[in-house]
Amino acid sequence: MRVLLMVLMMSFCLISTSCARRVVVKQPNKKVVIVKRPAKYKVVRVNGRKYYVWNGRYHRKTSRGYVVVRV
């Protein structure tokens, strides 16, 4: 009886554990920073946040310049 119980416990441990791990590779951010905005731009507020719009794209101001964002 003990042997059967030990065999069942060992088989459960072997079945329930796995050596395989999920590896997630994070892609680097490829954001282009625009240093100077063009002369023709619009200032738009969306949900209380300020965005700059030109060429049909929304931009946020950062310390280095402007980056394109999805609104």
N, C-alpha and C. Protein backbone atom coordinates (compact mmCIF):
# COMPACT_ATOMS: atom_id res chain seq x y z
N MET A 1 0.81 -1.19 0.00
CA MET A 1 0.00 0.00 0.00
C MET A 1 0.86 1.26 0.00
N ARG A 2 1.92 1.26 0.81
CA ARG A 2 2.81 2.42 0.87
C ARG A 2 3.55 2.59 -0.46
N VAL A 3 3.94 1.49 -1.04
CA VAL A 3 4.67 1.56 -2.31
C VAL A 3 3.76 2.15 -3.39
N LEU A 4 2.53 1.72 -3.43
CA LEU A 4 1.57 2.23 -4.40
C LEU A 4 1.33 3.74 -4.19
N LEU A 5 1.22 4.14 -2.93
CA LEU A 5 1.01 5.54 -2.61
C LEU A 5 2.22 6.37 -3.01
N MET A 6 3.42 5.86 -2.78
CA MET A 6 4.64 6.58 -3.17
C MET A 6 4.76 6.68 -4.68
N VAL A 7 4.42 5.61 -5.39
CA VAL A 7 4.47 5.64 -6.85
C VAL A 7 3.47 6.66 -7.39
N LEU A 8 2.28 6.72 -6.83
CA LEU A 8 1.29 7.69 -7.26
C LEU A 8 1.75 9.12 -6.99
N MET A 9 2.34 9.36 -5.84
CA MET A 9 2.84 10.70 -5.50
C MET A 9 3.98 11.11 -6.42
N MET A 10 4.89 10.19 -6.71
CA MET A 10 6.01 10.50 -7.60
C MET A 10 5.54 10.77 -9.02
N SER A 11 4.59 9.97 -9.49
CA SER A 11 4.09 10.18 -10.84
C SER A 11 3.34 11.52 -10.93
N PHE A 12 2.60 11.88 -9.89
CA PHE A 12 1.91 13.17 -9.88
C PHE A 12 2.91 14.31 -9.93
N CYS A 13 3.99 14.21 -9.18
CA CYS A 13 5.02 15.25 -9.18
C CYS A 13 5.68 15.38 -10.54
N LEU A 14 5.95 14.27 -11.18
CA LEU A 14 6.59 14.31 -12.50
C LEU A 14 5.66 14.87 -13.57
N ILE A 15 4.39 14.56 -13.48
CA ILE A 15 3.44 15.03 -14.48
C ILE A 15 3.14 16.52 -14.30
N SER A 16 3.04 16.97 -13.06
CA SER A 16 2.61 18.34 -12.80
C SER A 16 3.71 19.37 -12.99
N THR A 17 4.97 18.98 -12.99
CA THR A 17 6.06 19.94 -13.17
C THR A 17 6.62 19.84 -14.57
N SER A 18 7.18 20.94 -15.03
CA SER A 18 7.76 20.97 -16.36
C SER A 18 9.01 21.82 -16.33
N CYS A 19 9.96 21.47 -17.15
CA CYS A 19 11.19 22.23 -17.24
C CYS A 19 11.08 23.37 -18.25
N ALA A 20 10.09 23.29 -19.10
CA ALA A 20 9.93 24.32 -20.13
C ALA A 20 9.46 25.62 -19.51
N ARG A 21 10.02 26.71 -19.97
CA ARG A 21 9.64 28.03 -19.48
C ARG A 21 9.25 28.90 -20.67
N ARG A 22 8.34 29.80 -20.40
CA ARG A 22 7.92 30.72 -21.45
C ARG A 22 8.87 31.90 -21.47
N VAL A 23 9.42 32.17 -22.62
CA VAL A 23 10.37 33.26 -22.77
C VAL A 23 9.69 34.37 -23.57
N VAL A 24 9.68 35.55 -22.99
CA VAL A 24 9.08 36.71 -23.65
C VAL A 24 10.20 37.67 -24.01
N VAL A 25 10.31 37.99 -25.28
CA VAL A 25 11.34 38.91 -25.75
C VAL A 25 10.67 40.23 -26.05
N LYS A 26 11.10 41.27 -25.37
CA LYS A 26 10.51 42.58 -25.55
C LYS A 26 11.23 43.29 -26.70
N GLN A 27 10.44 43.80 -27.63
CA GLN A 27 11.00 44.51 -28.77
C GLN A 27 11.42 45.92 -28.33
N PRO A 28 12.53 46.41 -28.86
CA PRO A 28 12.96 47.76 -28.48
C PRO A 28 12.01 48.81 -29.06
N ASN A 29 11.88 49.90 -28.34
CA ASN A 29 11.04 50.99 -28.83
C ASN A 29 11.75 51.70 -29.97
N LYS A 30 11.05 51.86 -31.07
CA LYS A 30 11.61 52.59 -32.20
C LYS A 30 10.78 53.85 -32.41
N LYS A 31 10.96 54.80 -31.53
CA LYS A 31 10.23 56.05 -31.61
C LYS A 31 11.13 57.11 -32.21
N VAL A 32 10.57 57.82 -33.16
CA VAL A 32 11.30 58.90 -33.79
C VAL A 32 10.95 60.18 -33.07
N VAL A 33 11.95 60.90 -32.63
CA VAL A 33 11.75 62.16 -31.93
C VAL A 33 11.91 63.29 -32.94
N ILE A 34 10.88 64.12 -33.04
CA ILE A 34 10.92 65.28 -33.93
C ILE A 34 11.30 66.47 -33.07
N VAL A 35 12.41 67.09 -33.38
CA VAL A 35 12.94 68.14 -32.52
C VAL A 35 12.13 69.42 -32.66
N LYS A 36 11.74 69.79 -33.88
CA LYS A 36 11.04 71.05 -34.10
C LYS A 36 9.73 70.79 -34.83
N ARG A 37 8.65 71.31 -34.30
CA ARG A 37 7.36 71.13 -34.95
C ARG A 37 7.23 72.09 -36.13
N PRO A 38 6.42 71.74 -37.13
CA PRO A 38 6.27 72.62 -38.29
C PRO A 38 5.45 73.86 -37.95
N ALA A 39 5.43 74.79 -38.88
CA ALA A 39 4.71 76.05 -38.65
C ALA A 39 3.21 75.84 -38.62
N LYS A 40 2.69 74.89 -39.41
CA LYS A 40 1.25 74.64 -39.46
C LYS A 40 0.92 73.41 -38.62
N TYR A 41 0.49 73.64 -37.40
CA TYR A 41 0.08 72.57 -36.50
C TYR A 41 -1.15 73.03 -35.74
N LYS A 42 -1.87 72.11 -35.15
CA LYS A 42 -3.04 72.43 -34.33
C LYS A 42 -2.84 71.85 -32.94
N VAL A 43 -3.33 72.56 -31.94
CA VAL A 43 -3.31 72.06 -30.56
C VAL A 43 -4.70 71.51 -30.27
N VAL A 44 -4.76 70.25 -29.85
CA VAL A 44 -6.01 69.56 -29.58
C VAL A 44 -5.95 68.99 -28.18
N ARG A 45 -7.08 69.04 -27.47
CA ARG A 45 -7.17 68.42 -26.15
C ARG A 45 -8.07 67.20 -26.24
N VAL A 46 -7.55 66.06 -25.81
CA VAL A 46 -8.30 64.81 -25.78
C VAL A 46 -8.20 64.27 -24.36
N ASN A 47 -9.37 64.12 -23.71
CA ASN A 47 -9.43 63.65 -22.32
C ASN A 47 -8.52 64.46 -21.39
N GLY A 48 -8.46 65.77 -21.63
CA GLY A 48 -7.67 66.63 -20.76
C GLY A 48 -6.19 66.66 -21.08
N ARG A 49 -5.75 65.93 -22.09
CA ARG A 49 -4.34 65.93 -22.46
C ARG A 49 -4.12 66.76 -23.72
N LYS A 50 -3.00 67.40 -23.79
CA LYS A 50 -2.68 68.28 -24.90
C LYS A 50 -1.89 67.53 -25.96
N TYR A 51 -2.39 67.56 -27.20
CA TYR A 51 -1.74 66.92 -28.34
C TYR A 51 -1.51 67.95 -29.43
N TYR A 52 -0.47 67.75 -30.19
CA TYR A 52 -0.18 68.59 -31.34
C TYR A 52 -0.45 67.75 -32.58
N VAL A 53 -1.20 68.33 -33.55
CA VAL A 53 -1.59 67.58 -34.74
C VAL A 53 -1.02 68.25 -35.97
N TRP A 54 -0.33 67.46 -36.79
CA TRP A 54 0.06 67.88 -38.13
C TRP A 54 0.25 66.64 -38.97
N ASN A 55 0.00 66.77 -40.26
CA ASN A 55 0.04 65.64 -41.21
C ASN A 55 -0.89 64.51 -40.80
N GLY A 56 -1.98 64.82 -40.10
CA GLY A 56 -2.94 63.80 -39.71
C GLY A 56 -2.48 62.91 -38.56
N ARG A 57 -1.41 63.25 -37.90
CA ARG A 57 -0.88 62.46 -36.78
C ARG A 57 -0.86 63.28 -35.51
N TYR A 58 -1.08 62.59 -34.39
CA TYR A 58 -1.05 63.23 -33.08
C TYR A 58 0.34 63.08 -32.48
N HIS A 59 0.83 64.15 -31.87
CA HIS A 59 2.16 64.15 -31.26
C HIS A 59 2.05 64.63 -29.82
N ARG A 60 2.92 64.09 -28.96
CA ARG A 60 3.03 64.54 -27.58
C ARG A 60 4.38 65.21 -27.41
N LYS A 61 4.40 66.25 -26.61
CA LYS A 61 5.65 66.95 -26.34
C LYS A 61 6.41 66.20 -25.24
N THR A 62 7.68 65.98 -25.47
CA THR A 62 8.56 65.37 -24.46
C THR A 62 9.72 66.32 -24.20
N SER A 63 10.60 65.94 -23.33
CA SER A 63 11.74 66.79 -23.02
C SER A 63 12.73 66.87 -24.19
N ARG A 64 12.70 65.89 -25.08
CA ARG A 64 13.62 65.88 -26.23
C ARG A 64 13.00 66.39 -27.52
N GLY A 65 11.66 66.47 -27.55
CA GLY A 65 11.00 66.91 -28.76
C GLY A 65 9.57 66.39 -28.79
N TYR A 66 9.11 65.98 -29.96
CA TYR A 66 7.75 65.49 -30.15
C TYR A 66 7.78 64.07 -30.67
N VAL A 67 6.90 63.22 -30.14
CA VAL A 67 6.80 61.84 -30.60
C VAL A 67 5.38 61.56 -31.05
N VAL A 68 5.24 60.68 -32.04
CA VAL A 68 3.93 60.30 -32.56
C VAL A 68 3.27 59.34 -31.58
N VAL A 69 1.98 59.58 -31.28
CA VAL A 69 1.24 58.72 -30.36
C VAL A 69 -0.08 58.32 -31.00
N ARG A 70 -0.65 57.24 -30.50
CA ARG A 70 -1.99 56.81 -30.92
C ARG A 70 -2.99 57.31 -29.91
N VAL A 71 -4.03 57.96 -30.40
CA VAL A 71 -5.06 58.51 -29.49
C VAL A 71 -6.28 57.64 -29.55
